[in-house]
Amino acid sequence: IPRTYGGQGRSHLERFAVTEELLAAGAPVAAHWIADRQIVPA
């Protein structure tokens, strides 16, 4: 999400790296998952 809208303004690959690490760790990410994964780019 651009900083204009309260986000970090980072790349899809950076987000990919973060989400991959969270998933590999089995971290509880369901609350925000759909919003962050799908609704944001939409």
Full PDB file with SEQRES, HELIX, SHEET, SSBOND, CRYST1, ORIGX, SCALE, CONECT and MASTER records, all heavy atoms in Angstrom:
SEQRES   1 A   42  ILE PRO ARG THR TYR GLY GLY GLN GLY ARG SER HIS LEU          
SEQRES   2 A   42  GLU ARG PHE ALA VAL THR GLU GLU LEU LEU ALA ALA GLY          
SEQRES   3 A   42  ALA PRO VAL ALA ALA HIS TRP ILE ALA ASP ARG GLN ILE          
SEQRES   4 A   42  VAL PRO ALA                                                  
HELIX    1 AA1 ARG A    3  TYR A    5  5                                   3    
HELIX    2 AA2 HIS A   12  ALA A   24  1                                  13    
HELIX    3 AA3 ALA A   30  ILE A   34  1                                   5    
HELIX    4 AA4 ALA A   35  ILE A   39  3                                   5    
CRYST1    1.000    1.000    1.000  90.00  90.00  90.00 P 1           1          
ORIGX1      1.000000  0.000000  0.000000        0.00000                         
ORIGX2      0.000000  1.000000  0.000000        0.00000                         
ORIGX3      0.000000  0.000000  1.000000        0.00000                         
SCALE1      1.000000  0.000000  0.000000        0.00000                         
SCALE2      0.000000  1.000000  0.000000        0.00000                         
SCALE3      0.000000  0.000000  1.000000        0.00000                         
ATOM      1  N   ILE A   1       0.857  -1.191   0.000  1.00  0.00           N  
ATOM      2  CA  ILE A   1       0.000   0.000   0.000  1.00  0.00           C  
ATOM      3  C   ILE A   1       0.890   1.238   0.000  1.00  0.00           C  
ATOM      4  O   ILE A   1       1.808   1.341   0.814  1.00  0.00           O  
ATOM      5  CB  ILE A   1      -0.917   0.020   1.242  1.00  0.00           C  
ATOM      6  CG1 ILE A   1      -1.862  -1.185   1.235  1.00  0.00           C  
ATOM      7  CG2 ILE A   1      -1.723   1.313   1.301  1.00  0.00           C  
ATOM      8  CD1 ILE A   1      -2.712  -1.295   2.496  1.00  0.00           C  
ATOM      9  N   PRO A   2       0.643   2.194  -0.902  1.00  0.00           N  
ATOM     10  CA  PRO A   2       1.439   3.425  -0.894  1.00  0.00           C  
ATOM     11  C   PRO A   2       1.348   4.135   0.459  1.00  0.00           C  
ATOM     12  O   PRO A   2       0.339   4.052   1.155  1.00  0.00           O  
ATOM     13  CB  PRO A   2       0.792   4.260  -2.004  1.00  0.00           C  
ATOM     14  CG  PRO A   2       0.145   3.253  -2.902  1.00  0.00           C  
ATOM     15  CD  PRO A   2      -0.336   2.166  -2.000  1.00  0.00           C  
ATOM     16  N   ARG A   3       2.395   4.855   0.811  1.00  0.00           N  
ATOM     17  CA  ARG A   3       2.422   5.568   2.087  1.00  0.00           C  
ATOM     18  C   ARG A   3       1.286   6.588   2.177  1.00  0.00           C  
ATOM     19  O   ARG A   3       0.818   6.906   3.269  1.00  0.00           O  
ATOM     20  CB  ARG A   3       3.776   6.243   2.280  1.00  0.00           C  
ATOM     21  CG  ARG A   3       4.913   5.243   2.461  1.00  0.00           C  
ATOM     22  CD  ARG A   3       6.223   5.931   2.773  1.00  0.00           C  
ATOM     23  NE  ARG A   3       7.291   4.953   2.945  1.00  0.00           N  
ATOM     24  CZ  ARG A   3       7.562   4.329   4.085  1.00  0.00           C  
ATOM     25  NH1 ARG A   3       6.816   4.569   5.161  1.00  0.00           N  
ATOM     26  NH2 ARG A   3       8.558   3.467   4.164  1.00  0.00           N  
ATOM     27  N   THR A   4       0.835   7.079   1.030  1.00  0.00           N  
ATOM     28  CA  THR A   4      -0.277   8.024   1.009  1.00  0.00           C  
ATOM     29  C   THR A   4      -1.507   7.460   1.692  1.00  0.00           C  
ATOM     30  O   THR A   4      -2.303   8.197   2.278  1.00  0.00           O  
ATOM     31  CB  THR A   4      -0.645   8.381  -0.455  1.00  0.00           C  
ATOM     32  OG1 THR A   4       0.535   8.810  -1.125  1.00  0.00           O  
ATOM     33  CG2 THR A   4      -1.698   9.468  -0.517  1.00  0.00           C  
ATOM     34  N   TYR A   5      -1.669   6.138   1.603  1.00  0.00           N  
ATOM     35  CA  TYR A   5      -2.832   5.473   2.184  1.00  0.00           C  
ATOM     36  C   TYR A   5      -2.475   4.698   3.459  1.00  0.00           C  
ATOM     37  O   TYR A   5      -3.188   3.775   3.856  1.00  0.00           O  
ATOM     38  CB  TYR A   5      -3.454   4.519   1.162  1.00  0.00           C  
ATOM     39  CG  TYR A   5      -3.907   5.189  -0.108  1.00  0.00           C  
ATOM     40  CD1 TYR A   5      -3.280   4.913  -1.325  1.00  0.00           C  
ATOM     41  CD2 TYR A   5      -4.958   6.107  -0.113  1.00  0.00           C  
ATOM     42  CE1 TYR A   5      -3.684   5.521  -2.501  1.00  0.00           C  
ATOM     43  CE2 TYR A   5      -5.366   6.726  -1.281  1.00  0.00           C  
ATOM     44  CZ  TYR A   5      -4.731   6.430  -2.475  1.00  0.00           C  
ATOM     45  OH  TYR A   5      -5.142   7.046  -3.641  1.00  0.00           O  
ATOM     46  N   GLY A   6      -1.368   5.037   4.089  1.00  0.00           N  
ATOM     47  CA  GLY A   6      -1.022   4.420   5.356  1.00  0.00           C  
ATOM     48  C   GLY A   6      -0.215   3.143   5.273  1.00  0.00           C  
ATOM     49  O   GLY A   6      -0.007   2.478   6.289  1.00  0.00           O  
ATOM     50  N   GLY A   7       0.249   2.792   4.073  1.00  0.00           N  
ATOM     51  CA  GLY A   7       1.012   1.566   3.918  1.00  0.00           C  
ATOM     52  C   GLY A   7       2.506   1.779   3.958  1.00  0.00           C  
ATOM     53  O   GLY A   7       2.987   2.850   4.359  1.00  0.00           O  
ATOM     54  N   GLN A   8       3.252   0.764   3.519  1.00  0.00           N  
ATOM     55  CA  GLN A   8       4.706   0.813   3.570  1.00  0.00           C  
ATOM     56  C   GLN A   8       5.352   1.174   2.233  1.00  0.00           C  
ATOM     57  O   GLN A   8       6.542   1.466   2.182  1.00  0.00           O  
ATOM     58  CB  GLN A   8       5.249  -0.550   4.024  1.00  0.00           C  
ATOM     59  CG  GLN A   8       4.746  -0.980   5.397  1.00  0.00           C  
ATOM     60  CD  GLN A   8       5.182  -0.031   6.482  1.00  0.00           C  
ATOM     61  OE1 GLN A   8       6.346   0.366   6.556  1.00  0.00           O  
ATOM     62  NE2 GLN A   8       4.247   0.364   7.345  1.00  0.00           N  
ATOM     63  N   GLY A   9       4.574   1.112   1.151  1.00  0.00           N  
ATOM     64  CA  GLY A   9       5.111   1.473  -0.158  1.00  0.00           C  
ATOM     65  C   GLY A   9       6.226   0.559  -0.624  1.00  0.00           C  
ATOM     66  O   GLY A   9       7.151   0.998  -1.320  1.00  0.00           O  
ATOM     67  N   ARG A  10       6.145  -0.728  -0.290  1.00  0.00           N  
ATOM     68  CA  ARG A  10       7.198  -1.656  -0.664  1.00  0.00           C  
ATOM     69  C   ARG A  10       6.738  -2.544  -1.821  1.00  0.00           C  
ATOM     70  O   ARG A  10       5.594  -2.475  -2.259  1.00  0.00           O  
ATOM     71  CB  ARG A  10       7.621  -2.481   0.553  1.00  0.00           C  
ATOM     72  CG  ARG A  10       8.052  -1.598   1.707  1.00  0.00           C  
ATOM     73  CD  ARG A  10       8.550  -2.343   2.903  1.00  0.00           C  
ATOM     74  NE  ARG A  10       9.913  -2.845   2.707  1.00  0.00           N  
ATOM     75  CZ  ARG A  10      10.699  -3.226   3.705  1.00  0.00           C  
ATOM     76  NH1 ARG A  10      10.270  -3.156   4.965  1.00  0.00           N  
ATOM     77  NH2 ARG A  10      11.915  -3.687   3.478  1.00  0.00           N  
ATOM     78  N   SER A  11       7.623  -3.387  -2.304  1.00  0.00           N  
ATOM     79  CA  SER A  11       7.342  -4.166  -3.507  1.00  0.00           C  
ATOM     80  C   SER A  11       6.584  -5.455  -3.188  1.00  0.00           C  
ATOM     81  O   SER A  11       6.524  -5.912  -2.041  1.00  0.00           O  
ATOM     82  CB  SER A  11       8.652  -4.530  -4.211  1.00  0.00           C  
ATOM     83  OG  SER A  11       9.377  -5.486  -3.445  1.00  0.00           O  
ATOM     84  N   HIS A  12       6.027  -6.055  -4.254  1.00  0.00           N  
ATOM     85  CA  HIS A  12       5.349  -7.348  -4.107  1.00  0.00           C  
ATOM     86  C   HIS A  12       6.338  -8.428  -3.678  1.00  0.00           C  
ATOM     87  O   HIS A  12       5.976  -9.342  -2.920  1.00  0.00           O  
ATOM     88  CB  HIS A  12       4.687  -7.755  -5.421  1.00  0.00           C  
ATOM     89  CG  HIS A  12       3.424  -7.020  -5.719  1.00  0.00           C  
ATOM     90  ND1 HIS A  12       2.247  -7.250  -5.047  1.00  0.00           N  
ATOM     91  CD2 HIS A  12       3.154  -6.028  -6.620  1.00  0.00           C  
ATOM     92  CE1 HIS A  12       1.301  -6.446  -5.515  1.00  0.00           C  
ATOM     93  NE2 HIS A  12       1.828  -5.699  -6.463  1.00  0.00           N  
ATOM     94  N   LEU A  13       7.584  -8.331  -4.155  1.00  0.00           N  
ATOM     95  CA  LEU A  13       8.572  -9.333  -3.777  1.00  0.00           C  
ATOM     96  C   LEU A  13       8.956  -9.221  -2.303  1.00  0.00           C  
ATOM     97  O   LEU A  13       9.205 -10.234  -1.642  1.00  0.00           O  
ATOM     98  CB  LEU A  13       9.815  -9.195  -4.658  1.00  0.00           C  
ATOM     99  CG  LEU A  13       9.662  -9.752  -6.081  1.00  0.00           C  
ATOM    100  CD1 LEU A  13      10.880  -9.431  -6.923  1.00  0.00           C  
ATOM    101  CD2 LEU A  13       9.429 -11.261  -6.045  1.00  0.00           C  
ATOM    102  N   GLU A  14       9.006  -8.009  -1.783  1.00  0.00           N  
ATOM    103  CA  GLU A  14       9.276  -7.847  -0.358  1.00  0.00           C  
ATOM    104  C   GLU A  14       8.128  -8.420   0.471  1.00  0.00           C  
ATOM    105  O   GLU A  14       8.341  -9.106   1.474  1.00  0.00           O  
ATOM    106  CB  GLU A  14       9.494  -6.372  -0.031  1.00  0.00           C  
ATOM    107  CG  GLU A  14      10.813  -5.827  -0.562  1.00  0.00           C  
ATOM    108  CD  GLU A  14      10.943  -4.342  -0.341  1.00  0.00           C  
ATOM    109  OE1 GLU A  14      10.136  -3.582  -0.937  1.00  0.00           O  
ATOM    110  OE2 GLU A  14      11.839  -3.920   0.408  1.00  0.00           O  
ATOM    111  N   ARG A  15       6.893  -8.136   0.044  1.00  0.00           N  
ATOM    112  CA  ARG A  15       5.750  -8.716   0.738  1.00  0.00           C  
ATOM    113  C   ARG A  15       5.786 -10.238   0.633  1.00  0.00           C  
ATOM    114  O   ARG A  15       5.484 -10.948   1.599  1.00  0.00           O  
ATOM    115  CB  ARG A  15       4.438  -8.182   0.155  1.00  0.00           C  
ATOM    116  CG  ARG A  15       3.223  -8.763   0.865  1.00  0.00           C  
ATOM    117  CD  ARG A  15       1.903  -8.397   0.197  1.00  0.00           C  
ATOM    118  NE  ARG A  15       0.824  -9.086   0.891  1.00  0.00           N  
ATOM    119  CZ  ARG A  15       0.442 -10.345   0.649  1.00  0.00           C  
ATOM    120  NH1 ARG A  15       1.052 -11.043  -0.304  1.00  0.00           N  
ATOM    121  NH2 ARG A  15      -0.537 -10.901   1.339  1.00  0.00           N  
ATOM    122  N   PHE A  16       6.144 -10.751  -0.519  1.00  0.00           N  
ATOM    123  CA  PHE A  16       6.242 -12.196  -0.727  1.00  0.00           C  
ATOM    124  C   PHE A  16       7.211 -12.817   0.272  1.00  0.00           C  
ATOM    125  O   PHE A  16       6.923 -13.855   0.875  1.00  0.00           O  
ATOM    126  CB  PHE A  16       6.698 -12.479  -2.163  1.00  0.00           C  
ATOM    127  CG  PHE A  16       6.828 -13.933  -2.505  1.00  0.00           C  
ATOM    128  CD1 PHE A  16       5.761 -14.618  -3.064  1.00  0.00           C  
ATOM    129  CD2 PHE A  16       8.007 -14.616  -2.276  1.00  0.00           C  
ATOM    130  CE1 PHE A  16       5.871 -15.966  -3.390  1.00  0.00           C  
ATOM    131  CE2 PHE A  16       8.131 -15.961  -2.586  1.00  0.00           C  
ATOM    132  CZ  PHE A  16       7.061 -16.639  -3.149  1.00  0.00           C  
ATOM    133  N   ALA A  17       8.367 -12.188   0.459  1.00  0.00           N  
ATOM    134  CA  ALA A  17       9.357 -12.708   1.386  1.00  0.00           C  
ATOM    135  C   ALA A  17       8.808 -12.766   2.807  1.00  0.00           C  
ATOM    136  O   ALA A  17       9.008 -13.751   3.529  1.00  0.00           O  
ATOM    137  CB  ALA A  17      10.618 -11.839   1.345  1.00  0.00           C  
ATOM    138  N   VAL A  18       8.096 -11.726   3.217  1.00  0.00           N  
ATOM    139  CA  VAL A  18       7.536 -11.681   4.568  1.00  0.00           C  
ATOM    140  C   VAL A  18       6.466 -12.762   4.747  1.00  0.00           C  
ATOM    141  O   VAL A  18       6.474 -13.512   5.726  1.00  0.00           O  
ATOM    142  CB  VAL A  18       6.947 -10.292   4.873  1.00  0.00           C  
ATOM    143  CG1 VAL A  18       6.139 -10.310   6.169  1.00  0.00           C  
ATOM    144  CG2 VAL A  18       8.059  -9.260   4.965  1.00  0.00           C  
ATOM    145  N   THR A  19       5.546 -12.844   3.790  1.00  0.00           N  
ATOM    146  CA  THR A  19       4.460 -13.820   3.935  1.00  0.00           C  
ATOM    147  C   THR A  19       4.990 -15.249   3.881  1.00  0.00           C  
ATOM    148  O   THR A  19       4.475 -16.137   4.578  1.00  0.00           O  
ATOM    149  CB  THR A  19       3.383 -13.621   2.851  1.00  0.00           C  
ATOM    150  OG1 THR A  19       3.992 -13.693   1.546  1.00  0.00           O  
ATOM    151  CG2 THR A  19       2.712 -12.269   2.993  1.00  0.00           C  
ATOM    152  N   GLU A  20       6.010 -15.479   3.091  1.00  0.00           N  
ATOM    153  CA  GLU A  20       6.581 -16.820   3.019  1.00  0.00           C  
ATOM    154  C   GLU A  20       7.177 -17.227   4.368  1.00  0.00           C  
ATOM    155  O   GLU A  20       7.008 -18.364   4.822  1.00  0.00           O  
ATOM    156  CB  GLU A  20       7.646 -16.871   1.916  1.00  0.00           C  
ATOM    157  CG  GLU A  20       7.919 -18.270   1.424  1.00  0.00           C  
ATOM    158  CD  GLU A  20       8.815 -18.284   0.202  1.00  0.00           C  
ATOM    159  OE1 GLU A  20       9.823 -17.550   0.190  1.00  0.00           O  
ATOM    160  OE2 GLU A  20       8.520 -19.044  -0.740  1.00  0.00           O  
ATOM    161  N   GLU A  21       7.867 -16.301   5.020  1.00  0.00           N  
ATOM    162  CA  GLU A  21       8.443 -16.594   6.331  1.00  0.00           C  
ATOM    163  C   GLU A  21       7.353 -16.845   7.374  1.00  0.00           C  
ATOM    164  O   GLU A  21       7.470 -17.743   8.217  1.00  0.00           O  
ATOM    165  CB  GLU A  21       9.353 -15.449   6.773  1.00  0.00           C  
ATOM    166  CG  GLU A  21      10.624 -15.298   5.960  1.00  0.00           C  
ATOM    167  CD  GLU A  21      11.514 -16.535   6.033  1.00  0.00           C  
ATOM    168  OE1 GLU A  21      11.561 -17.182   7.106  1.00  0.00           O  
ATOM    169  OE2 GLU A  21      12.161 -16.857   5.017  1.00  0.00           O  
ATOM    170  N   LEU A  22       6.295 -16.063   7.327  1.00  0.00           N  
ATOM    171  CA  LEU A  22       5.190 -16.256   8.271  1.00  0.00           C  
ATOM    172  C   LEU A  22       4.534 -17.612   8.079  1.00  0.00           C  
ATOM    173  O   LEU A  22       4.214 -18.312   9.046  1.00  0.00           O  
ATOM    174  CB  LEU A  22       4.152 -15.136   8.097  1.00  0.00           C  
ATOM    175  CG  LEU A  22       4.603 -13.721   8.476  1.00  0.00           C  
ATOM    176  CD1 LEU A  22       3.548 -12.703   8.055  1.00  0.00           C  
ATOM    177  CD2 LEU A  22       4.853 -13.623   9.975  1.00  0.00           C  
ATOM    178  N   LEU A  23       4.342 -18.000   6.840  1.00  0.00           N  
ATOM    179  CA  LEU A  23       3.724 -19.290   6.555  1.00  0.00           C  
ATOM    180  C   LEU A  23       4.635 -20.441   6.947  1.00  0.00           C  
ATOM    181  O   LEU A  23       4.185 -21.443   7.505  1.00  0.00           O  
ATOM    182  CB  LEU A  23       3.385 -19.384   5.067  1.00  0.00           C  
ATOM    183  CG  LEU A  23       2.258 -18.467   4.577  1.00  0.00           C  
ATOM    184  CD1 LEU A  23       2.276 -18.371   3.058  1.00  0.00           C  
ATOM    185  CD2 LEU A  23       0.908 -18.972   5.052  1.00  0.00           C  
ATOM    186  N   ALA A  24       5.932 -20.310   6.654  1.00  0.00           N  
ATOM    187  CA  ALA A  24       6.882 -21.364   6.997  1.00  0.00           C  
ATOM    188  C   ALA A  24       6.941 -21.581   8.507  1.00  0.00           C  
ATOM    189  O   ALA A  24       7.198 -22.689   8.977  1.00  0.00           O  
ATOM    190  CB  ALA A  24       8.270 -21.022   6.464  1.00  0.00           C  
ATOM    191  N   ALA A  25       6.664 -20.522   9.260  1.00  0.00           N  
ATOM    192  CA  ALA A  25       6.675 -20.615  10.718  1.00  0.00           C  
ATOM    193  C   ALA A  25       5.348 -21.100  11.287  1.00  0.00           C  
ATOM    194  O   ALA A  25       5.249 -21.359  12.483  1.00  0.00           O  
ATOM    195  CB  ALA A  25       7.011 -19.252  11.320  1.00  0.00           C  
ATOM    196  N   GLY A  26       4.326 -21.205  10.447  1.00  0.00           N  
ATOM    197  CA  GLY A  26       3.005 -21.614  10.933  1.00  0.00           C  
ATOM    198  C   GLY A  26       2.366 -20.559  11.813  1.00  0.00           C  
ATOM    199  O   GLY A  26       1.639 -20.869  12.760  1.00  0.00           O  
ATOM    200  N   ALA A  27       2.612 -19.295  11.507  1.00  0.00           N  
ATOM    201  CA  ALA A  27       2.098 -18.190  12.323  1.00  0.00           C  
ATOM    202  C   ALA A  27       0.617 -17.940  12.050  1.00  0.00           C  
ATOM    203  O   ALA A  27       0.134 -18.160  10.935  1.00  0.00           O  
ATOM    204  CB  ALA A  27       2.895 -16.921  12.033  1.00  0.00           C  
ATOM    205  N   PRO A  28      -0.132 -17.453  13.064  1.00  0.00           N  
ATOM    206  CA  PRO A  28      -1.588 -17.240  12.924  1.00  0.00           C  
ATOM    207  C   PRO A  28      -1.909 -15.945  12.198  1.00  0.00           C  
ATOM    208  O   PRO A  28      -2.021 -14.877  12.799  1.00  0.00           O  
ATOM    209  CB  PRO A  28      -2.062 -17.195  14.386  1.00  0.00           C  
ATOM    210  CG  PRO A  28      -0.892 -16.615  15.129  1.00  0.00           C  
ATOM    211  CD  PRO A  28       0.331 -17.140  14.431  1.00  0.00           C  
ATOM    212  N   VAL A  29      -2.093 -16.021  10.890  1.00  0.00           N  
ATOM    213  CA  VAL A  29      -2.253 -14.821  10.067  1.00  0.00           C  
ATOM    214  C   VAL A  29      -3.627 -14.720   9.404  1.00  0.00           C  
ATOM    215  O   VAL A  29      -3.842 -13.882   8.520  1.00  0.00           O  
ATOM    216  CB  VAL A  29      -1.152 -14.768   8.979  1.00  0.00           C  
ATOM    217  CG1 VAL A  29       0.215 -14.583   9.615  1.00  0.00           C  
ATOM    218  CG2 VAL A  29      -1.168 -16.042   8.123  1.00  0.00           C  
ATOM    219  N   ALA A  30      -4.583 -15.556   9.829  1.00  0.00           N  
ATOM    220  CA  ALA A  30      -5.879 -15.619   9.140  1.00  0.00           C  
ATOM    221  C   ALA A  30      -6.675 -14.328   9.223  1.00  0.00           C  
ATOM    222  O   ALA A  30      -7.411 -13.987   8.294  1.00  0.00           O  
ATOM    223  CB  ALA A  30      -6.713 -16.773   9.707  1.00  0.00           C  
ATOM    224  N   ALA A  31      -6.564 -13.598  10.325  1.00  0.00           N  
ATOM    225  CA  ALA A  31      -7.401 -12.407  10.505  1.00  0.00           C  
ATOM    226  C   ALA A  31      -7.236 -11.411   9.370  1.00  0.00           C  
ATOM    227  O   ALA A  31      -8.215 -10.899   8.821  1.00  0.00           O  
ATOM    228  CB  ALA A  31      -7.087 -11.751  11.854  1.00  0.00           C  
ATOM    229  N   HIS A  32      -6.012 -11.144   8.991  1.00  0.00           N  
ATOM    230  CA  HIS A  32      -5.752 -10.113   7.977  1.00  0.00           C  
ATOM    231  C   HIS A  32      -5.477 -10.691   6.594  1.00  0.00           C  
ATOM    232  O   HIS A  32      -5.299  -9.935   5.635  1.00  0.00           O  
ATOM    233  CB  HIS A  32      -4.539  -9.272   8.386  1.00  0.00           C  
ATOM    234  CG  HIS A  32      -3.265 -10.077   8.444  1.00  0.00           C  
ATOM    235  ND1 HIS A  32      -2.835 -10.697   9.601  1.00  0.00           N  
ATOM    236  CD2 HIS A  32      -2.343 -10.397   7.498  1.00  0.00           C  
ATOM    237  CE1 HIS A  32      -1.699 -11.332   9.359  1.00  0.00           C  
ATOM    238  NE2 HIS A  32      -1.387 -11.182   8.092  1.00  0.00           N  
ATOM    239  N   TRP A  33      -5.438 -12.017   6.472  1.00  0.00           N  
ATOM    240  CA  TRP A  33      -4.882 -12.631   5.263  1.00  0.00           C  
ATOM    241  C   TRP A  33      -5.598 -12.205   3.982  1.00  0.00           C  
ATOM    242  O   TRP A  33      -4.967 -11.768   3.023  1.00  0.00           O  
ATOM    243  CB  TRP A  33      -4.901 -14.151   5.397  1.00  0.00           C  
ATOM    244  CG  TRP A  33      -4.050 -14.815   4.351  1.00  0.00           C  
ATOM    245  CD1 TRP A  33      -4.452 -15.416   3.202  1.00  0.00           C  
ATOM    246  CD2 TRP A  33      -2.617 -14.883   4.358  1.00  0.00           C  
ATOM    247  NE1 TRP A  33      -3.374 -15.876   2.496  1.00  0.00           N  
ATOM    248  CE2 TRP A  33      -2.236 -15.554   3.188  1.00  0.00           C  
ATOM    249  CE3 TRP A  33      -1.636 -14.438   5.252  1.00  0.00           C  
ATOM    250  CZ2 TRP A  33      -0.895 -15.795   2.879  1.00  0.00           C  
ATOM    251  CZ3 TRP A  33      -0.305 -14.684   4.938  1.00  0.00           C  
ATOM    252  CH2 TRP A  33       0.049 -15.360   3.766  1.00  0.00           C  
ATOM    253  N   ILE A  34      -6.907 -12.334   3.952  1.00  0.00           N  
ATOM    254  CA  ILE A  34      -7.641 -12.028   2.723  1.00  0.00           C  
ATOM    255  C   ILE A  34      -7.550 -10.535   2.400  1.00  0.00           C  
ATOM    256  O   ILE A  34      -7.349 -10.147   1.247  1.00  0.00           O  
ATOM    257  CB  ILE A  34      -9.106 -12.477   2.843  1.00  0.00           C  
ATOM    258  CG1 ILE A  34      -9.177 -14.006   2.861  1.00  0.00           C  
ATOM    259  CG2 ILE A  34      -9.953 -11.924   1.687  1.00  0.00           C  
ATOM    260  CD1 ILE A  34     -10.555 -14.567   3.126  1.00  0.00           C  
ATOM    261  N   ALA A  35      -7.680  -9.704   3.423  1.00  0.00           N  
ATOM    262  CA  ALA A  35      -7.609  -8.263   3.191  1.00  0.00           C  
ATOM    263  C   ALA A  35      -6.254  -7.874   2.616  1.00  0.00           C  
ATOM    264  O   ALA A  35      -6.169  -7.110   1.645  1.00  0.00           O  
ATOM    265  CB  ALA A  35      -7.866  -7.509   4.493  1.00  0.00           C  
ATOM    266  N   ASP A  36      -5.186  -8.398   3.208  1.00  0.00           N  
ATOM    267  CA  ASP A  36      -3.842  -8.014   2.791  1.00  0.00           C  
ATOM    268  C   ASP A  36      -3.453  -8.639   1.459  1.00  0.00           C  
ATOM    269  O   ASP A  36      -2.797  -8.009   0.633  1.00  0.00           O  
ATOM    270  CB  ASP A  36      -2.850  -8.422   3.881  1.00  0.00           C  
ATOM    271  CG  ASP A  36      -1.476  -7.815   3.675  1.00  0.00           C  
ATOM    272  OD1 ASP A  36      -1.376  -6.575   3.751  1.00  0.00           O  
ATOM    273  OD2 ASP A  36      -0.510  -8.562   3.439  1.00  0.00           O  
ATOM    274  N   ARG A  37      -3.864  -9.886   1.246  1.00  0.00           N  
ATOM    275  CA  ARG A  37      -3.488 -10.601   0.034  1.00  0.00           C  
ATOM    276  C   ARG A  37      -4.279 -10.146  -1.185  1.00  0.00           C  
ATOM    277  O   ARG A  37      -3.720  -9.921  -2.261  1.00  0.00           O  
ATOM    278  CB  ARG A  37      -3.713 -12.105   0.235  1.00  0.00           C  
ATOM    279  CG  ARG A  37      -3.500 -12.931  -1.027  1.00  0.00           C  
ATOM    280  CD  ARG A  37      -4.005 -14.354  -0.854  1.00  0.00           C  
ATOM    281  NE  ARG A  37      -5.464 -14.428  -0.823  1.00  0.00           N  
ATOM    282  CZ  ARG A  37      -6.132 -15.554  -0.572  1.00  0.00           C  
ATOM    283  NH1 ARG A  37      -5.485 -16.671  -0.309  1.00  0.00           N  
ATOM    284  NH2 ARG A  37      -7.461 -15.558  -0.572  1.00  0.00           N  
ATOM    285  N   GLN A  38      -5.584  -9.998  -1.034  1.00  0.00           N  
ATOM    286  CA  GLN A  38      -6.469  -9.890  -2.187  1.00  0.00           C  
ATOM    287  C   GLN A  38      -7.190  -8.553  -2.287  1.00  0.00           C  
ATOM    288  O   GLN A  38      -7.326  -7.991  -3.371  1.00  0.00           O  
ATOM    289  CB  GLN A  38      -7.501 -11.014  -2.102  1.00  0.00           C  
ATOM    290  CG  GLN A  38      -8.140 -11.406  -3.402  1.00  0.00           C  
ATOM    291  CD  GLN A  38      -8.745 -12.799  -3.291  1.00  0.00           C  
ATOM    292  OE1 GLN A  38      -8.437 -13.555  -2.375  1.00  0.00           O  
ATOM    293  NE2 GLN A  38      -9.614 -13.142  -4.217  1.00  0.00           N  
ATOM    294  N   ILE A  39      -7.648  -8.052  -1.154  1.00  0.00           N  
ATOM    295  CA  ILE A  39      -8.432  -6.825  -1.185  1.00  0.00           C  
ATOM    296  C   ILE A  39      -7.553  -5.616  -1.454  1.00  0.00           C  
ATOM    297  O   ILE A  39      -7.944  -4.704  -2.186  1.00  0.00           O  
ATOM    298  CB  ILE A  39      -9.217  -6.644   0.138  1.00  0.00           C  
ATOM    299  CG1 ILE A  39     -10.076  -7.890   0.412  1.00  0.00           C  
ATOM    300  CG2 ILE A  39     -10.087  -5.397   0.070  1.00  0.00           C  
ATOM    301  CD1 ILE A  39     -11.047  -8.243  -0.693  1.00  0.00           C  
ATOM    302  N   VAL A  40      -6.358  -5.603  -0.879  1.00  0.00           N  
ATOM    303  CA  VAL A  40      -5.449  -4.471  -1.099  1.00  0.00           C  
ATOM    304  C   VAL A  40      -5.158  -4.247  -2.581  1.00  0.00           C  
ATOM    305  O   VAL A  40      -5.377  -3.147  -3.104  1.00  0.00           O  
ATOM    306  CB  VAL A  40      -4.147  -4.645  -0.293  1.00  0.00           C  
ATOM    307  CG1 VAL A  40      -3.050  -3.727  -0.828  1.00  0.00           C  
ATOM    308  CG2 VAL A  40      -4.397  -4.347   1.177  1.00  0.00           C  
ATOM    309  N   PRO A  41      -4.648  -5.253  -3.324  1.00  0.00           N  
ATOM    310  CA  PRO A  41      -4.380  -5.009  -4.747  1.00  0.00           C  
ATOM    311  C   PRO A  41      -5.637  -4.703  -5.547  1.00  0.00           C  
ATOM    312  O   PRO A  41      -5.590  -3.930  -6.508  1.00  0.00           O  
ATOM    313  CB  PRO A  41      -3.709  -6.303  -5.221  1.00  0.00           C  
ATOM    314  CG  PRO A  41      -4.071  -7.334  -4.207  1.00  0.00           C  
ATOM    315  CD  PRO A  41      -4.210  -6.606  -2.918  1.00  0.00           C  
ATOM    316  N   ALA A  42      -6.769  -5.290  -5.134  1.00  0.00           N  
ATOM    317  CA  ALA A  42      -8.022  -5.007  -5.839  1.00  0.00           C  
ATOM    318  C   ALA A  42      -8.432  -3.553  -5.636  1.00  0.00           C  
ATOM    319  O   ALA A  42      -8.843  -2.872  -6.584  1.00  0.00           O  
ATOM    320  CB  ALA A  42      -9.122  -5.943  -5.347  1.00  0.00           C  
TER     321      ALA A  42                                                      
MASTER        0    0    0    4    0    0    0    6  320    1    0    4          
END                                                                             
